[in-house]
Amino acid sequence: MNENLLIIFVKNIKLGKVKTRLAKTIGNKAAFEIYKILVDKTEKATEKLPMKKHIYFSDVIIDSKWIGDNKTIQNGSDLGARMKNAFKDGLKKGFKKIVLIGSDLPDIDESIIKKAFKVLNFKDTVFGPAEDGGYYLIGMKQLYTHVFDNKPWSESHLLEATLQELKSNNISFGLTETLNDIDTFEDLKSSSIYKIYSHD
C-alpha cells in the first residue's frame, strides 16, 4: 500500500455559505464564483499526485469532483476537531505520513505538496505558513492532538502559537513556502486570480 495520504478539506460550493468574509466586500455571488475557481485549481494541482487522496467535504459529497478518490464528510464541532478526526481516520487506516490542505489557495501546486511529504522524512510535523499568520497545510506521522485543541483559529497568531507549543513539547517541525489563502478582499487583490475576478 502507498503509505502517504493527502487529505483535502473542501467547503461545499454553496451560494452564501463560502468565503463569507470575502462576500462582505464583493457580494455572495462573486465570492461563490471565486471559491469555485479555487476548488478547481486545488483539484488540478492534486489530480496527478502519486499518493492516496481523501477528500473531506463540509456537508455534502460532490460526485463530480476528484472522481475515483475517496470522499467523505468532515466530522467535528470546529476546524481543529475536524482536522484531528481526519488525521485519526488516516492513521487508523495505516497511513504513515499524512498531509492536509485546504481548498482556498490560488498558488497551490504539486511541488509544494511533494515537498511537505519529503519534510516528514526527517521532521515530526510540517506546516505551510499562510500570509495571514495561519497555515494552509499541516502534516504529521503520528497524532499530536494538542495541535488541534484550543487554538486561535482564523487569528493572525495561529501558526506562531502552534509552533511555540511544538517547541515546548520537543516536537520537530519543518515549513514549506508561505502562500496567500483567500479569506478577505485584501487577500484576493494580492492574489494571482484577482485578474480573473476583475475582468468578470
C-alpha atoms as a PDB file:
ATOM      1  CA  MET A   1       0.000   0.000   0.000  1.00  0.00           C
ATOM      2  CA  ASN A   2       1.050   3.593  -0.627  1.00  0.00           C
ATOM      3  CA  GLU A   3       1.887   4.837   2.873  1.00  0.00           C
ATOM      4  CA  ASN A   4       1.319   8.534   2.068  1.00  0.00           C
ATOM      5  CA  LEU A   5      -2.100  10.186   2.337  1.00  0.00           C
ATOM      6  CA  LEU A   6      -3.169  13.634   1.170  1.00  0.00           C
ATOM      7  CA  ILE A   7      -6.315  14.978   2.854  1.00  0.00           C
ATOM      8  CA  ILE A   8      -8.123  17.856   1.154  1.00  0.00           C
ATOM      9  CA  PHE A   9     -10.718  19.882   3.059  1.00  0.00           C
ATOM     10  CA  VAL A  10     -13.392  21.348   0.782  1.00  0.00           C
ATOM     11  CA  LYS A  11     -16.298  23.561   1.746  1.00  0.00           C
ATOM     12  CA  ASN A  12     -19.401  22.753  -0.262  1.00  0.00           C
ATOM     13  CA  ILE A  13     -19.746  25.334  -3.011  1.00  0.00           C
ATOM     14  CA  LYS A  14     -22.996  26.941  -1.915  1.00  0.00           C
ATOM     15  CA  LEU A  15     -24.119  30.485  -2.571  1.00  0.00           C
ATOM     16  CA  GLY A  16     -23.939  32.464   0.683  1.00  0.00           C
ATOM     17  CA  LYS A  17     -22.031  29.698   2.521  1.00  0.00           C
ATOM     18  CA  VAL A  18     -18.473  30.069   1.183  1.00  0.00           C
ATOM     19  CA  LYS A  19     -15.920  32.834   1.679  1.00  0.00           C
ATOM     20  CA  THR A  20     -18.302  34.778   3.925  1.00  0.00           C
ATOM     21  CA  ARG A  21     -15.650  37.328   4.945  1.00  0.00           C
ATOM     22  CA  LEU A  22     -14.826  37.952   1.279  1.00  0.00           C
ATOM     23  CA  ALA A  23     -18.556  38.153   0.454  1.00  0.00           C
ATOM     24  CA  LYS A  24     -18.974  41.126   2.808  1.00  0.00           C
ATOM     25  CA  THR A  25     -16.938  43.158   0.304  1.00  0.00           C
ATOM     26  CA  ILE A  26     -17.697  41.650  -3.107  1.00  0.00           C
ATOM     27  CA  GLY A  27     -21.093  40.019  -2.503  1.00  0.00           C
ATOM     28  CA  ASN A  28     -22.204  36.389  -2.228  1.00  0.00           C
ATOM     29  CA  LYS A  29     -22.320  35.675  -5.965  1.00  0.00           C
ATOM     30  CA  ALA A  30     -18.771  36.902  -6.670  1.00  0.00           C
ATOM     31  CA  ALA A  31     -17.420  35.096  -3.568  1.00  0.00           C
ATOM     32  CA  PHE A  32     -19.160  31.912  -4.774  1.00  0.00           C
ATOM     33  CA  GLU A  33     -17.509  32.240  -8.229  1.00  0.00           C
ATOM     34  CA  ILE A  34     -14.083  32.862  -6.658  1.00  0.00           C
ATOM     35  CA  TYR A  35     -14.394  29.789  -4.467  1.00  0.00           C
ATOM     36  CA  LYS A  36     -15.403  27.653  -7.465  1.00  0.00           C
ATOM     37  CA  ILE A  37     -12.186  28.750  -9.207  1.00  0.00           C
ATOM     38  CA  LEU A  38     -10.136  27.925  -6.084  1.00  0.00           C
ATOM     39  CA  VAL A  39     -11.636  24.427  -5.764  1.00  0.00           C
ATOM     40  CA  ASP A  40     -10.950  23.761  -9.469  1.00  0.00           C
ATOM     41  CA  LYS A  41      -7.337  24.909  -9.007  1.00  0.00           C
ATOM     42  CA  THR A  42      -6.934  22.606  -5.988  1.00  0.00           C
ATOM     43  CA  GLU A  43      -8.348  19.659  -7.919  1.00  0.00           C
ATOM     44  CA  LYS A  44      -5.994  20.287 -10.871  1.00  0.00           C
ATOM     45  CA  ALA A  45      -2.954  20.705  -8.588  1.00  0.00           C
ATOM     46  CA  THR A  46      -3.631  17.393  -6.835  1.00  0.00           C
ATOM     47  CA  GLU A  47      -5.064  15.128  -9.541  1.00  0.00           C
ATOM     48  CA  LYS A  48      -1.733  13.654 -10.726  1.00  0.00           C
ATOM     49  CA  LEU A  49      -0.089  13.237  -7.336  1.00  0.00           C
ATOM     50  CA  PRO A  50       1.008   9.635  -6.655  1.00  0.00           C
ATOM     51  CA  MET A  51      -0.266   9.360  -3.079  1.00  0.00           C
ATOM     52  CA  LYS A  52      -3.747   8.349  -1.940  1.00  0.00           C
ATOM     53  CA  LYS A  53      -6.223  11.214  -1.574  1.00  0.00           C
ATOM     54  CA  HIS A  54      -9.148  11.516   0.820  1.00  0.00           C
ATOM     55  CA  ILE A  55     -11.467  14.440   0.124  1.00  0.00           C
ATOM     56  CA  TYR A  56     -13.407  15.773   3.109  1.00  0.00           C
ATOM     57  CA  PHE A  57     -16.426  17.888   2.139  1.00  0.00           C
ATOM     58  CA  SER A  58     -18.064  20.173   4.701  1.00  0.00           C
ATOM     59  CA  ASP A  59     -21.554  18.675   4.425  1.00  0.00           C
ATOM     60  CA  VAL A  60     -22.380  17.012   1.070  1.00  0.00           C
ATOM     61  CA  ILE A  61     -20.195  14.815  -1.151  1.00  0.00           C
ATOM     62  CA  ILE A  62     -19.864  16.185  -4.701  1.00  0.00           C
ATOM     63  CA  ASP A  63     -19.504  13.202  -7.038  1.00  0.00           C
ATOM     64  CA  SER A  64     -18.233  15.280  -9.974  1.00  0.00           C
ATOM     65  CA  LYS A  65     -15.119  16.380  -8.050  1.00  0.00           C
ATOM     66  CA  TRP A  66     -11.993  14.217  -7.534  1.00  0.00           C
ATOM     67  CA  ILE A  67     -13.510  11.315  -9.455  1.00  0.00           C
ATOM     68  CA  GLY A  68     -12.093   7.989  -8.276  1.00  0.00           C
ATOM     69  CA  ASP A  69     -10.766   9.335  -4.966  1.00  0.00           C
ATOM     70  CA  ASN A  70     -12.121   8.515  -1.524  1.00  0.00           C
ATOM     71  CA  LYS A  71     -14.716  11.104  -0.420  1.00  0.00           C
ATOM     72  CA  THR A  72     -16.367  11.675   2.920  1.00  0.00           C
ATOM     73  CA  ILE A  73     -17.851  14.341   5.202  1.00  0.00           C
ATOM     74  CA  GLN A  74     -15.919  16.345   7.804  1.00  0.00           C
ATOM     75  CA  ASN A  75     -16.727  15.427  11.382  1.00  0.00           C
ATOM     76  CA  GLY A  76     -16.270  17.760  14.379  1.00  0.00           C
ATOM     77  CA  SER A  77     -17.537  20.847  16.180  1.00  0.00           C
ATOM     78  CA  ASP A  78     -14.792  23.212  14.971  1.00  0.00           C
ATOM     79  CA  LEU A  79     -11.941  23.242  12.455  1.00  0.00           C
ATOM     80  CA  GLY A  80      -9.493  21.739  14.950  1.00  0.00           C
ATOM     81  CA  ALA A  81     -11.778  18.819  15.785  1.00  0.00           C
ATOM     82  CA  ARG A  82     -12.498  18.191  12.095  1.00  0.00           C
ATOM     83  CA  MET A  83      -8.796  18.111  11.191  1.00  0.00           C
ATOM     84  CA  LYS A  84      -7.958  15.947  14.211  1.00  0.00           C
ATOM     85  CA  ASN A  85     -10.648  13.416  13.257  1.00  0.00           C
ATOM     86  CA  ALA A  86      -9.410  13.313   9.656  1.00  0.00           C
ATOM     87  CA  PHE A  87      -5.841  12.573  10.814  1.00  0.00           C
ATOM     88  CA  LYS A  88      -7.144   9.948  13.258  1.00  0.00           C
ATOM     89  CA  ASP A  89      -9.019   8.198  10.431  1.00  0.00           C
ATOM     90  CA  GLY A  90      -5.963   8.213   8.162  1.00  0.00           C
ATOM     91  CA  LEU A  91      -3.625   6.847  10.823  1.00  0.00           C
ATOM     92  CA  LYS A  92      -6.170   4.181  11.753  1.00  0.00           C
ATOM     93  CA  LYS A  93      -6.184   3.076   8.099  1.00  0.00           C
ATOM     94  CA  GLY A  94      -2.414   2.532   8.294  1.00  0.00           C
ATOM     95  CA  PHE A  95      -1.012   5.603   6.512  1.00  0.00           C
ATOM     96  CA  LYS A  96       2.449   6.586   7.801  1.00  0.00           C
ATOM     97  CA  LYS A  97       2.672  10.176   6.526  1.00  0.00           C
ATOM     98  CA  ILE A  98      -0.381  12.397   6.230  1.00  0.00           C
ATOM     99  CA  VAL A  99      -0.614  15.930   4.835  1.00  0.00           C
ATOM    100  CA  LEU A 100      -3.799  18.009   4.943  1.00  0.00           C
ATOM    101  CA  ILE A 101      -4.519  21.105   2.841  1.00  0.00           C
ATOM    102  CA  GLY A 102      -7.469  23.429   2.363  1.00  0.00           C
ATOM    103  CA  SER A 103      -9.005  24.453  -0.950  1.00  0.00           C
ATOM    104  CA  ASP A 104      -8.670  28.257  -0.972  1.00  0.00           C
ATOM    105  CA  LEU A 105      -5.137  28.538  -2.348  1.00  0.00           C
ATOM    106  CA  PRO A 106      -4.685  30.177  -5.755  1.00  0.00           C
ATOM    107  CA  ASP A 107      -0.983  29.225  -5.897  1.00  0.00           C
ATOM    108  CA  ILE A 108      -1.003  25.652  -4.583  1.00  0.00           C
ATOM    109  CA  ASP A 109       0.891  23.227  -6.790  1.00  0.00           C
ATOM    110  CA  GLU A 110       2.210  19.666  -6.850  1.00  0.00           C
ATOM    111  CA  SER A 111       5.737  20.630  -5.826  1.00  0.00           C
ATOM    112  CA  ILE A 112       4.649  22.206  -2.520  1.00  0.00           C
ATOM    113  CA  ILE A 113       2.694  19.098  -1.533  1.00  0.00           C
ATOM    114  CA  LYS A 114       5.547  16.768  -2.548  1.00  0.00           C
ATOM    115  CA  LYS A 115       7.962  18.912  -0.536  1.00  0.00           C
ATOM    116  CA  ALA A 116       5.726  18.591   2.554  1.00  0.00           C
ATOM    117  CA  PHE A 117       5.906  14.784   2.356  1.00  0.00           C
ATOM    118  CA  LYS A 118       9.709  14.979   1.963  1.00  0.00           C
ATOM    119  CA  VAL A 119       9.970  17.188   5.075  1.00  0.00           C
ATOM    120  CA  LEU A 120       8.197  14.428   7.017  1.00  0.00           C
ATOM    121  CA  ASN A 121      11.131  12.112   6.238  1.00  0.00           C
ATOM    122  CA  PHE A 122      13.159  13.970   8.862  1.00  0.00           C
ATOM    123  CA  LYS A 123      10.687  16.087  10.897  1.00  0.00           C
ATOM    124  CA  ASP A 124       7.753  15.126  13.126  1.00  0.00           C
ATOM    125  CA  THR A 125       5.428  17.715  11.579  1.00  0.00           C
ATOM    126  CA  VAL A 126       5.264  20.115   8.639  1.00  0.00           C
ATOM    127  CA  PHE A 127       3.321  23.344   8.105  1.00  0.00           C
ATOM    128  CA  GLY A 128       2.605  25.585   5.145  1.00  0.00           C
ATOM    129  CA  PRO A 129       2.517  29.145   6.501  1.00  0.00           C
ATOM    130  CA  ALA A 130      -0.248  31.419   5.240  1.00  0.00           C
ATOM    131  CA  GLU A 131       0.428  35.121   4.765  1.00  0.00           C
ATOM    132  CA  ASP A 132      -2.295  35.962   7.309  1.00  0.00           C
ATOM    133  CA  GLY A 133      -0.459  34.191  10.148  1.00  0.00           C
ATOM    134  CA  GLY A 134      -2.333  30.898   9.937  1.00  0.00           C
ATOM    135  CA  TYR A 135      -1.395  27.828   7.937  1.00  0.00           C
ATOM    136  CA  TYR A 136      -2.767  26.253   4.752  1.00  0.00           C
ATOM    137  CA  LEU A 137      -1.042  22.863   5.141  1.00  0.00           C
ATOM    138  CA  ILE A 138      -0.292  20.580   8.063  1.00  0.00           C
ATOM    139  CA  GLY A 139       1.398  17.180   8.026  1.00  0.00           C
ATOM    140  CA  MET A 140       2.204  14.540  10.667  1.00  0.00           C
ATOM    141  CA  LYS A 141       3.431  10.979  11.104  1.00  0.00           C
ATOM    142  CA  GLN A 142       1.602  10.473  14.393  1.00  0.00           C
ATOM    143  CA  LEU A 143      -1.258  12.296  16.048  1.00  0.00           C
ATOM    144  CA  TYR A 144      -0.336  15.236  18.274  1.00  0.00           C
ATOM    145  CA  THR A 145      -3.835  16.067  19.482  1.00  0.00           C
ATOM    146  CA  HIS A 146      -2.853  19.278  21.284  1.00  0.00           C
ATOM    147  CA  VAL A 147      -2.054  20.879  17.905  1.00  0.00           C
ATOM    148  CA  PHE A 148      -5.801  20.924  17.232  1.00  0.00           C
ATOM    149  CA  ASP A 149      -7.111  21.824  20.688  1.00  0.00           C
ATOM    150  CA  ASN A 150      -7.891  25.338  22.000  1.00  0.00           C
ATOM    151  CA  LYS A 151      -6.223  27.171  19.128  1.00  0.00           C
ATOM    152  CA  PRO A 152      -6.934  30.733  17.896  1.00  0.00           C
ATOM    153  CA  TRP A 153      -8.475  29.650  14.566  1.00  0.00           C
ATOM    154  CA  SER A 154      -8.720  32.465  11.984  1.00  0.00           C
ATOM    155  CA  GLU A 155      -6.441  34.712  14.042  1.00  0.00           C
ATOM    156  CA  SER A 156      -3.085  36.133  12.966  1.00  0.00           C
ATOM    157  CA  HIS A 157      -1.020  34.311  15.609  1.00  0.00           C
ATOM    158  CA  LEU A 158      -2.342  30.784  14.939  1.00  0.00           C
ATOM    159  CA  LEU A 159       0.867  29.396  13.396  1.00  0.00           C
ATOM    160  CA  GLU A 160       3.098  31.169  15.918  1.00  0.00           C
ATOM    161  CA  ALA A 161       1.088  29.747  18.859  1.00  0.00           C
ATOM    162  CA  THR A 162       1.121  26.262  17.308  1.00  0.00           C
ATOM    163  CA  LEU A 163       4.878  26.235  16.660  1.00  0.00           C
ATOM    164  CA  GLN A 164       5.599  27.589  20.145  1.00  0.00           C
ATOM    165  CA  GLU A 165       3.639  24.699  21.634  1.00  0.00           C
ATOM    166  CA  LEU A 166       5.526  22.176  19.474  1.00  0.00           C
ATOM    167  CA  LYS A 167       8.870  23.622  20.625  1.00  0.00           C
ATOM    168  CA  SER A 168       7.746  23.346  24.273  1.00  0.00           C
ATOM    169  CA  ASN A 169       6.974  19.661  23.688  1.00  0.00           C
ATOM    170  CA  ASN A 170      10.212  18.960  21.759  1.00  0.00           C
ATOM    171  CA  ILE A 171       8.292  18.088  18.598  1.00  0.00           C
ATOM    172  CA  SER A 172      10.225  18.978  15.443  1.00  0.00           C
ATOM    173  CA  PHE A 173       8.670  20.830  12.513  1.00  0.00           C
ATOM    174  CA  GLY A 174       9.554  21.976   9.016  1.00  0.00           C
ATOM    175  CA  LEU A 175       7.961  24.640   6.830  1.00  0.00           C
ATOM    176  CA  THR A 176       7.038  24.861   3.151  1.00  0.00           C
ATOM    177  CA  GLU A 177       6.558  28.062   1.155  1.00  0.00           C
ATOM    178  CA  THR A 178       4.369  30.863   2.509  1.00  0.00           C
ATOM    179  CA  LEU A 179       1.195  31.213   0.423  1.00  0.00           C
ATOM    180  CA  ASN A 180      -1.754  33.556   0.313  1.00  0.00           C
ATOM    181  CA  ASP A 181      -5.059  31.876   1.163  1.00  0.00           C
ATOM    182  CA  ILE A 182      -8.062  33.931   0.192  1.00  0.00           C
ATOM    183  CA  ASP A 183     -10.338  34.969   3.043  1.00  0.00           C
ATOM    184  CA  THR A 184     -10.734  38.718   2.517  1.00  0.00           C
ATOM    185  CA  PHE A 185     -10.825  41.206  -0.370  1.00  0.00           C
ATOM    186  CA  GLU A 186      -7.248  42.263   0.503  1.00  0.00           C
ATOM    187  CA  ASP A 187      -6.171  38.612   0.057  1.00  0.00           C
ATOM    188  CA  LEU A 188      -7.979  38.483  -3.288  1.00  0.00           C
ATOM    189  CA  LYS A 189      -6.423  41.733  -4.527  1.00  0.00           C
ATOM    190  CA  SER A 190      -2.901  40.430  -3.925  1.00  0.00           C
ATOM    191  CA  SER A 191      -3.595  37.010  -5.487  1.00  0.00           C
ATOM    192  CA  SER A 192      -2.984  35.557  -8.920  1.00  0.00           C
ATOM    193  CA  ILE A 193      -6.725  35.174  -9.563  1.00  0.00           C
ATOM    194  CA  TYR A 194      -7.651  38.826  -8.968  1.00  0.00           C
ATOM    195  CA  LYS A 195      -7.363  39.476 -12.715  1.00  0.00           C
ATOM    196  CA  ILE A 196      -9.985  36.800 -13.380  1.00  0.00           C
ATOM    197  CA  TYR A 197     -12.332  38.416 -10.850  1.00  0.00           C
ATOM    198  CA  SER A 198     -11.741  41.987 -12.065  1.00  0.00           C
ATOM    199  CA  HIS A 199     -12.396  41.029 -15.707  1.00  0.00           C
ATOM    200  CA  ASP A 200     -15.733  39.349 -14.978  1.00  0.00           C
END
